[in-house]
Amino acid sequence: EPCPRCGQDLEQTDWAKLRAVHDGPSAAGYRDSEKRMCVDCLAALGMLEFEMNGVSGGGQRSV
């Protein structure tokens, strides 16, 4: 499976799973989603720090 942003093979690099979960009064108007992305693209999106609570699985090492 390639990274949806850069096309790099996720089996050959470190990756993270991004999950968007909507809550609150407007949540019904949005769809929750989830995708894997290489950590370089994750950093490029400005997500240099993220919470590690509830982490399961992942690429070759924890990020």
Protein backbone atom coordinates (compact mmCIF):
# COMPACT_ATOMS: atom_id res chain seq x y z
CA GLU A 1 0.00 0.00 0.00
CA PRO A 2 1.50 3.38 -0.97
CA CYS A 3 1.44 6.57 1.10
CA PRO A 4 -1.56 8.55 -0.21
CA ARG A 5 0.49 11.77 -0.24
CA CYS A 6 3.87 10.80 -1.76
CA GLY A 7 3.33 7.25 -3.07
CA GLN A 8 6.17 5.67 -1.03
CA ASP A 9 5.65 1.97 -0.24
CA LEU A 10 4.52 1.85 3.40
CA GLU A 11 5.90 -1.67 3.80
CA GLN A 12 9.41 -0.27 3.19
CA THR A 13 9.30 2.74 5.57
CA ASP A 14 8.01 3.94 8.93
CA TRP A 15 4.36 4.94 8.94
CA ALA A 16 1.59 6.19 11.21
CA LYS A 17 -2.17 5.80 11.12
CA LEU A 18 -4.20 9.02 11.12
CA ARG A 19 -7.72 8.85 12.48
CA ALA A 20 -10.28 11.68 12.38
CA VAL A 21 -13.16 11.14 14.79
CA HIS A 22 -15.87 13.79 14.89
CA ASP A 23 -17.77 14.61 18.07
CA GLY A 24 -20.07 17.36 19.25
CA PRO A 25 -23.23 18.98 17.94
CA SER A 26 -22.11 19.06 14.28
CA ALA A 27 -20.65 15.54 14.22
CA ALA A 28 -23.53 14.11 12.17
CA GLY A 29 -22.46 16.28 9.23
CA TYR A 30 -18.99 14.70 9.04
CA ARG A 31 -17.68 11.21 8.34
CA ASP A 32 -14.97 9.66 10.53
CA SER A 33 -11.97 8.47 8.55
CA GLU A 34 -8.69 6.64 8.93
CA LYS A 35 -5.59 6.26 6.72
CA ARG A 36 -1.92 5.27 6.89
CA MET A 37 0.76 7.79 5.90
CA CYS A 38 4.57 7.79 5.94
CA VAL A 39 6.09 9.74 8.84
CA ASP A 40 7.83 12.17 6.45
CA CYS A 41 4.47 13.27 5.04
CA LEU A 42 3.04 13.39 8.56
CA ALA A 43 5.82 15.82 9.52
CA ALA A 44 5.21 17.86 6.35
CA LEU A 45 1.59 18.31 7.43
CA GLY A 46 2.85 19.90 10.64
CA MET A 47 1.97 16.99 12.90
CA LEU A 48 5.40 16.87 14.50
CA GLU A 49 4.00 15.90 17.91
CA PHE A 50 1.04 13.66 18.53
CA GLU A 51 -0.46 11.74 21.41
CA MET A 52 0.70 8.17 21.93
CA ASN A 53 -2.28 7.09 24.11
CA GLY A 54 -4.09 4.13 22.62
CA VAL A 55 -1.44 3.40 20.00
CA SER A 56 -1.64 -0.04 18.46
CA GLY A 57 0.44 -1.43 15.64
CA GLY A 58 2.45 0.86 13.41
CA GLY A 59 5.36 0.72 11.06
CA GLN A 60 8.80 -0.59 11.80
CA ARG A 61 9.13 1.42 15.01
CA SER A 62 6.94 3.55 17.29
CA VAL A 63 6.81 7.25 16.46
